[in-house]
Protein backbone atom coordinates (compact mmCIF):
# COMPACT_ATOMS: atom_id res chain seq x y z
CA MET A 1 0.00 0.00 0.00
CA MET A 2 1.30 3.47 -0.87
CA ASN A 3 2.19 6.10 1.67
CA ALA A 4 1.72 9.85 1.52
CA GLN A 5 3.65 11.39 -1.36
CA ALA A 6 3.12 13.87 -4.15
CA GLY A 7 -0.59 13.95 -4.88
CA GLY A 8 -3.04 12.20 -2.60
CA THR A 9 -5.41 9.31 -1.98
CA TYR A 10 -8.59 9.51 -4.03
CA LEU A 11 -11.74 8.12 -2.40
CA TYR A 12 -14.39 6.33 -4.47
CA ALA A 13 -16.56 4.63 -1.88
CA VAL A 14 -16.86 2.94 1.51
CA LEU A 15 -18.11 -0.63 1.59
CA ALA A 16 -18.54 -3.57 3.92
CA GLY A 17 -15.62 -5.93 3.42
CA THR A 18 -13.54 -5.85 0.26
CA ALA A 19 -15.84 -7.52 -2.29
CA GLY A 20 -15.36 -6.23 -5.81
CA VAL A 21 -12.28 -4.12 -5.21
CA GLY A 22 -10.04 -6.77 -6.71
CA GLU A 23 -12.15 -6.61 -9.88
CA THR A 24 -11.58 -2.90 -10.50
CA GLY A 25 -7.92 -3.19 -11.51
CA SER A 26 -6.57 0.01 -13.04
CA LEU A 27 -9.97 1.57 -13.76
CA GLY A 28 -9.11 4.38 -11.37
CA ILE A 29 -8.55 8.03 -12.19
CA GLU A 30 -5.29 8.59 -14.10
CA GLY A 31 -5.21 4.81 -14.68
CA GLY A 32 -4.58 4.24 -10.98
CA GLU A 33 -4.86 0.82 -9.40
CA VAL A 34 -7.84 0.67 -7.04
CA TYR A 35 -7.11 -0.87 -3.64
CA CYS A 36 -8.61 -1.11 -0.16
CA ILE A 37 -7.90 0.64 3.10
CA THR A 38 -9.57 -1.53 5.72
CA VAL A 39 -10.63 -0.92 9.31
CA GLY A 40 -12.48 -3.82 10.89
CA ASP A 41 -15.34 -4.83 8.60
CA LEU A 42 -15.26 -1.58 6.60
CA SER A 43 -13.13 -0.70 3.61
CA ALA A 44 -12.48 2.38 1.55
CA ALA A 45 -11.93 1.89 -2.18
CA VAL A 46 -9.16 4.29 -3.19
CA SER A 47 -6.38 4.94 -5.68
CA ARG A 48 -3.42 7.27 -5.78
CA VAL A 49 -3.66 10.44 -7.85
CA GLY A 50 -0.94 12.87 -8.81
CA ARG A 51 -2.82 16.02 -7.80
CA THR A 52 -4.67 17.10 -4.69
CA ARG A 53 -7.41 18.80 -6.68
CA LEU A 54 -8.99 17.28 -9.75
CA ARG A 55 -10.96 19.15 -12.36
CA PRO A 56 -14.30 17.52 -13.26
CA GLU A 57 -13.04 16.57 -16.71
CA ARG A 58 -14.97 13.96 -18.63
CA LYS A 59 -12.20 11.37 -18.39
CA HIS A 60 -12.04 11.75 -14.61
CA LEU A 61 -15.81 11.60 -14.18
CA LEU A 62 -16.02 8.49 -16.37
CA ALA A 63 -13.27 6.78 -14.37
CA HIS A 64 -15.00 7.62 -11.10
CA GLN A 65 -18.29 6.16 -12.34
CA ALA A 66 -16.59 3.11 -13.84
CA VAL A 67 -15.11 2.17 -10.47
CA LEU A 68 -18.46 2.61 -8.73
CA ARG A 69 -20.26 0.50 -11.32
CA ARG A 70 -17.73 -2.30 -10.97
CA LEU A 71 -17.99 -2.24 -7.19
CA MET A 72 -21.79 -2.25 -7.37
CA GLU A 73 -21.69 -5.50 -9.31
CA HIS A 74 -20.39 -7.18 -6.16
CA THR A 75 -21.55 -5.24 -3.12
CA THR A 76 -23.40 -2.27 -1.64
CA VAL A 77 -21.41 0.97 -1.61
CA LEU A 78 -21.50 4.36 0.04
CA PRO A 79 -20.41 6.40 -2.97
CA ALA A 80 -18.16 9.41 -2.57
CA ALA A 81 -18.86 12.57 -4.50
CA PHE A 82 -16.38 13.28 -7.25
CA GLY A 83 -13.15 14.96 -6.21
CA LEU A 84 -12.54 13.74 -2.64
CA VAL A 85 -8.75 13.57 -2.26
CA ALA A 86 -7.18 12.92 1.15
CA ARG A 87 -3.58 13.77 1.86
CA SER A 88 -2.66 10.13 2.59
CA ASP A 89 -3.89 6.58 3.16
CA GLU A 90 -3.52 7.23 6.86
CA ALA A 91 -5.97 10.14 6.67
CA VAL A 92 -8.58 7.89 5.04
CA ARG A 93 -7.96 5.18 7.65
CA ALA A 94 -8.50 7.75 10.41
CA ARG A 95 -11.81 8.76 8.81
CA LEU A 96 -12.92 5.12 8.72
CA GLU A 97 -12.00 4.61 12.35
CA GLU A 98 -13.80 7.68 13.66
CA SER A 99 -16.98 7.17 11.61
CA GLN A 100 -17.46 3.39 11.72
CA GLU A 101 -20.92 3.50 13.28
CA VAL A 102 -22.18 6.19 10.90
CA PHE A 103 -20.93 4.26 7.86
CA ARG A 104 -22.40 0.97 9.09
CA GLU A 105 -25.78 2.63 9.65
CA GLN A 106 -25.78 4.10 6.15
CA LEU A 107 -24.70 0.81 4.59
CA GLU A 108 -27.53 -0.96 6.38
CA ASN A 109 -30.04 1.58 5.06
CA VAL A 110 -28.99 1.11 1.41
CA ALA A 111 -28.04 -2.58 1.55
CA GLY A 112 -29.02 -4.33 -1.67
CA LYS A 113 -30.47 -1.13 -3.10
CA VAL A 114 -29.62 1.24 -5.95
CA GLU A 115 -30.68 4.71 -6.97
CA MET A 116 -32.98 5.37 -9.91
CA GLY A 117 -33.74 8.82 -11.29
CA LEU A 118 -37.27 9.74 -12.36
CA ARG A 119 -38.04 12.93 -14.27
CA VAL A 120 -41.39 14.13 -15.54
CA ASN A 121 -41.66 16.95 -18.08
CA TRP A 122 -44.39 18.93 -19.77
CA SER A 123 -44.08 18.03 -23.45
CA THR A 124 -46.43 20.61 -24.96
CA PRO A 125 -44.87 22.94 -27.61
CA ASP A 126 -45.97 26.15 -25.82
CA LEU A 127 -46.20 25.78 -22.06
CA PHE A 128 -47.90 29.14 -21.51
CA ASP A 129 -50.64 28.39 -24.06
CA TYR A 130 -51.15 24.98 -22.44
CA PHE A 131 -51.66 26.61 -19.04
CA VAL A 132 -54.10 29.08 -20.59
CA THR A 133 -56.23 26.13 -21.75
CA ILE A 134 -56.28 24.36 -18.36
CA HIS A 135 -56.46 27.43 -16.09
CA PRO A 136 -59.33 29.78 -17.04
CA GLU A 137 -58.09 32.54 -14.72
CA LEU A 138 -54.85 32.80 -16.66
CA GLY A 139 -56.74 32.83 -19.96
CA ALA A 140 -59.07 35.55 -18.67
CA MET A 141 -56.14 37.74 -17.61
CA ARG A 142 -54.43 37.19 -20.95
CA ASP A 143 -57.61 38.05 -22.86
CA ARG A 144 -58.11 41.30 -20.92
CA LEU A 145 -54.71 42.47 -22.12
CA LYS A 146 -54.97 41.20 -25.68
CA GLY A 147 -54.99 43.92 -28.35
CA ARG A 148 -54.14 46.74 -25.98
CA HIS A 149 -51.37 49.15 -26.97
CA ASP A 150 -51.01 50.82 -23.60
CA LEU A 151 -49.83 47.82 -21.61
CA GLY A 152 -47.72 48.71 -18.63
CA ARG A 153 -44.79 46.74 -17.29
CA GLU A 154 -46.65 45.97 -14.06
CA GLU A 155 -49.54 44.33 -15.93
CA LEU A 156 -47.17 42.06 -17.82
CA ILE A 157 -45.42 41.18 -14.57
CA GLN A 158 -48.76 40.20 -13.03
CA VAL A 159 -49.45 37.79 -15.90
CA GLY A 160 -46.00 36.25 -15.44
CA LYS A 161 -46.49 35.92 -11.70
CA LEU A 162 -49.84 34.16 -12.12
CA PHE A 163 -48.30 31.77 -14.64
CA GLU A 164 -45.44 30.97 -12.27
CA HIS A 165 -47.82 30.48 -9.34
CA LEU A 166 -50.01 28.07 -11.32
CA ARG A 167 -46.99 26.18 -12.61
CA GLU A 168 -45.60 25.68 -9.09
CA ALA A 169 -49.01 24.63 -7.78
CA ASP A 170 -49.37 22.07 -10.58
CA ARG A 171 -45.85 20.79 -9.95
CA GLN A 172 -46.74 20.22 -6.32
CA LEU A 173 -50.00 18.49 -7.16
CA HIS A 174 -48.49 16.18 -9.78
CA SER A 175 -45.44 15.41 -7.66
CA GLU A 176 -47.53 14.45 -4.65
CA HIS A 177 -49.59 12.12 -6.82
CA VAL A 178 -46.56 10.30 -8.25
CA ALA A 179 -44.87 10.18 -4.84
CA ALA A 180 -47.97 8.60 -3.29
CA VAL A 181 -47.91 5.81 -5.89
CA LEU A 182 -44.22 5.10 -5.30
CA ARG A 183 -44.30 5.36 -1.51
CA LYS A 184 -47.25 2.99 -1.35
CA ARG A 185 -44.84 0.31 -2.61
CA GLY A 186 -42.11 1.31 -0.15
CA VAL A 187 -39.92 3.39 -2.49
CA GLU A 188 -37.83 5.94 -0.58
CA LEU A 189 -37.67 9.31 -2.34
CA LYS A 190 -35.54 12.43 -2.41
CA TRP A 191 -36.72 15.59 -4.18
CA ASN A 192 -34.40 17.50 -6.48
CA PRO A 193 -35.11 21.04 -7.75
CA PRO A 194 -36.70 21.08 -11.23
CA ARG A 195 -34.30 22.04 -13.98
CA GLY A 196 -35.99 24.45 -16.34
CA GLU A 197 -39.61 25.54 -16.60
CA ARG A 198 -40.73 22.39 -18.40
CA GLU A 199 -39.61 19.95 -15.72
CA VAL A 200 -42.50 18.93 -13.49
CA MET A 201 -40.52 16.83 -11.03
CA ASN A 202 -37.07 15.36 -10.53
CA LEU A 203 -36.99 12.46 -8.07
CA SER A 204 -34.24 10.19 -6.77
CA CYS A 205 -35.64 6.78 -5.85
CA LEU A 206 -34.04 4.13 -3.64
CA VAL A 207 -35.12 0.72 -4.90
CA PRO A 208 -34.01 -2.90 -4.40
CA ARG A 209 -31.47 -3.99 -6.99
CA GLU A 210 -33.54 -7.10 -7.63
CA GLY A 211 -36.70 -5.03 -8.02
CA LEU A 212 -35.81 -2.83 -11.00
CA GLY A 213 -38.43 -4.48 -13.18
CA ALA A 214 -41.08 -3.87 -10.54
CA PHE A 215 -39.99 -0.22 -10.29
CA GLU A 216 -40.40 0.27 -14.04
CA LYS A 217 -43.92 -1.17 -13.85
CA LEU A 218 -44.69 1.11 -10.91
CA VAL A 219 -43.64 4.14 -12.95
CA GLU A 220 -45.96 2.94 -15.73
CA VAL A 221 -48.81 2.77 -13.21
CA ALA A 222 -48.14 6.34 -12.07
CA ALA A 223 -47.88 7.58 -15.67
CA LYS A 224 -51.32 6.22 -16.59
CA ASP A 225 -52.93 9.10 -14.71
CA PHE A 226 -51.22 11.66 -16.98
CA ASP A 227 -52.12 12.56 -20.55
CA ASP A 228 -49.89 13.11 -23.60
CA HIS A 229 -48.83 16.53 -22.35
CA PHE A 230 -46.41 14.76 -19.99
CA THR A 231 -43.38 12.55 -20.54
CA PHE A 232 -41.90 10.19 -17.95
CA GLU A 233 -38.20 9.30 -18.07
CA PHE A 234 -36.18 7.19 -15.66
CA ASN A 235 -32.48 6.40 -15.58
CA GLY A 236 -30.04 4.26 -13.60
CA PRO A 237 -29.23 2.20 -11.72
CA TRP A 238 -26.72 4.38 -9.92
CA ALA A 239 -24.86 4.18 -6.65
CA PRO A 240 -27.14 5.69 -3.95
CA HIS A 241 -25.58 9.18 -3.87
CA SER A 242 -28.80 10.90 -2.82
CA PHE A 243 -29.37 8.64 0.18
CA THR A 244 -25.89 8.63 1.72
CA GLU A 245 -23.39 11.18 2.90
CA LEU A 246 -19.69 10.47 2.54
CA LYS A 247 -17.38 13.40 3.14
CA LEU A 248 -13.82 14.09 4.17
CA PRO A 249 -13.51 16.63 6.98
CA ALA A 250 -11.41 19.62 6.00
CA GLY A 251 -8.53 18.38 8.12
CA LEU A 252 -8.20 15.19 6.11
CA GLY A 253 -7.84 16.82 2.73
CA ARG A 254 -4.81 18.74 1.58
CA GLU A 255 -5.28 22.45 1.09
């Protein structure tokens, strides 16, 4: 095992035991060999890197994800966010020792599970016109202003505010409906902020690895209550980033 030297020790994940680490080979960032730092029944999957700070370049991100995917084929992982570099193996070992109970609790919570992403979008060509058709109050306000040449800035702002209010209310309503369907089958959820005005909801879902087919069918059940103005998309499986927290305290990283 390598000691502290130029660069640092890059952290990919914490896992119970060492299963899968021997299968990762030199998939690590900068072609580094992935190895274990072990304390009791916990291990950290790491590799040496030549720099203490890594830019989120595509090649680095792909290597990070490749290691996690390989580990996930063999065991449950607590995935690290990209870019966690400790100053040495000893610093990672110290983190394992001081946080054993926290890591064990998190591993127990996500044991045998993976993360799936679920996004729902409005697919209508003109979102404002769509809202005019389903919300008469917005249509009435729009019609009162139509054809006028003396429109003031405040009146236009009021139309925009009503549109935004209705959009957020509909997001909440639709999200609660989908969440109720998923939670009824025991799916744990985390809410992510919508990206762009057309995104209705962005959910992270913790599901059993062996139940991915059942999850897809559950999404189909939820989607049946929505018309063609909505599209449902899911992706994964991923390591359960949204349901775990794996950090290096400032003192363990190199400034």
